[in-house]
Amino acid sequence: MRMLAKRSKLPNIDSELKILEQTLNSSIFIMLDLLFLAAFLSLFTYTVHQSIFYTSMIFIFFITAGLVVFSVVNRIFRSGPQDW
């Protein structure tokens, strides 16, 4: 731990971290992640219900729920400071 605390910063680490943060916070990345997660969850629940119809309904449910949660959280945090 002492080695990490006394280590000097690399010259370009701040700019690289900002690029990484912008990429991870982009809406396209979040939508792709949501698509992958919904496909992953719907495929792994196939063994429970063993129906293509239910698998597609679960996929649509996960996508819809994720989009709703993303839009609500995005609206809350992008609206700026509020007086409570």
Protein backbone atom coordinates (compact mmCIF):
# COMPACT_ATOMS: atom_id res chain seq x y z
CA MET A 1 0.00 0.00 0.00
CA ARG A 2 2.88 2.36 0.73
CA MET A 3 4.23 1.87 -2.79
CA LEU A 4 0.94 3.01 -4.29
CA ALA A 5 0.65 6.08 -2.07
CA LYS A 6 4.11 7.42 -2.89
CA ARG A 7 3.98 6.64 -6.57
CA SER A 8 4.09 9.68 -8.83
CA LYS A 9 1.32 10.21 -11.37
CA LEU A 10 1.85 9.32 -14.95
CA PRO A 11 1.68 12.37 -17.24
CA ASN A 12 -1.24 11.22 -19.39
CA ILE A 13 -3.24 9.24 -16.87
CA ASP A 14 -5.80 12.02 -16.26
CA SER A 15 -6.64 12.41 -19.93
CA GLU A 16 -6.88 8.66 -20.42
CA LEU A 17 -9.15 8.32 -17.40
CA LYS A 18 -11.42 11.08 -18.72
CA ILE A 19 -11.70 9.30 -22.08
CA LEU A 20 -12.52 6.05 -20.29
CA GLU A 21 -15.11 7.77 -18.10
CA GLN A 22 -16.78 9.40 -21.11
CA THR A 23 -16.92 6.06 -22.90
CA LEU A 24 -18.39 4.18 -19.96
CA ASN A 25 -20.97 6.93 -19.34
CA SER A 26 -22.11 7.19 -22.96
CA SER A 27 -25.69 6.22 -23.73
CA ILE A 28 -24.66 3.90 -26.54
CA PHE A 29 -22.41 1.87 -24.23
CA ILE A 30 -25.17 1.64 -21.64
CA MET A 31 -27.69 0.49 -24.27
CA LEU A 32 -25.30 -2.18 -25.57
CA ASP A 33 -24.67 -3.34 -22.01
CA LEU A 34 -28.41 -3.48 -21.38
CA LEU A 35 -28.94 -5.47 -24.59
CA PHE A 36 -26.23 -7.97 -23.61
CA LEU A 37 -27.57 -8.31 -20.06
CA ALA A 38 -31.14 -8.86 -21.27
CA ALA A 39 -30.01 -11.49 -23.78
CA PHE A 40 -27.86 -13.19 -21.13
CA LEU A 41 -30.66 -13.31 -18.57
CA SER A 42 -33.32 -14.44 -21.02
CA LEU A 43 -31.15 -17.23 -22.40
CA PHE A 44 -30.25 -18.54 -18.97
CA THR A 45 -33.88 -18.56 -17.85
CA TYR A 46 -34.78 -20.75 -20.85
CA THR A 47 -34.14 -23.91 -18.83
CA VAL A 48 -36.85 -22.91 -16.36
CA HIS A 49 -39.72 -22.31 -18.79
CA GLN A 50 -38.43 -24.07 -21.99
CA SER A 51 -40.39 -21.91 -24.40
CA ILE A 52 -39.18 -19.52 -27.09
CA PHE A 53 -42.23 -17.34 -26.50
CA TYR A 54 -41.46 -16.90 -22.81
CA THR A 55 -37.80 -16.32 -23.58
CA SER A 56 -38.68 -13.50 -25.97
CA MET A 57 -41.17 -12.04 -23.49
CA ILE A 58 -38.54 -12.06 -20.74
CA PHE A 59 -36.06 -10.42 -23.12
CA ILE A 60 -38.59 -7.69 -23.99
CA PHE A 61 -39.39 -7.22 -20.30
CA PHE A 62 -35.72 -6.83 -19.35
CA ILE A 63 -35.09 -4.36 -22.20
CA THR A 64 -38.19 -2.31 -21.35
CA ALA A 65 -37.49 -2.27 -17.62
CA GLY A 66 -33.86 -1.32 -18.22
CA LEU A 67 -34.80 1.51 -20.57
CA VAL A 68 -37.34 2.86 -18.11
CA VAL A 69 -34.87 2.76 -15.22
CA PHE A 70 -32.15 4.33 -17.40
CA SER A 71 -34.41 7.16 -18.57
CA VAL A 72 -35.65 7.91 -15.04
CA VAL A 73 -32.15 7.92 -13.55
CA ASN A 74 -30.85 9.94 -16.49
CA ARG A 75 -33.61 12.51 -16.08
CA ILE A 76 -33.01 12.80 -12.32
CA PHE A 77 -29.26 13.29 -12.54
CA ARG A 78 -29.20 15.46 -15.67
CA SER A 79 -31.82 17.92 -14.44
CA GLY A 80 -29.31 19.72 -12.25
CA PRO A 81 -29.45 20.80 -8.63
CA GLN A 82 -32.88 21.19 -7.10
CA ASP A 83 -34.08 22.87 -3.93
CA TRP A 84 -35.54 20.26 -1.61
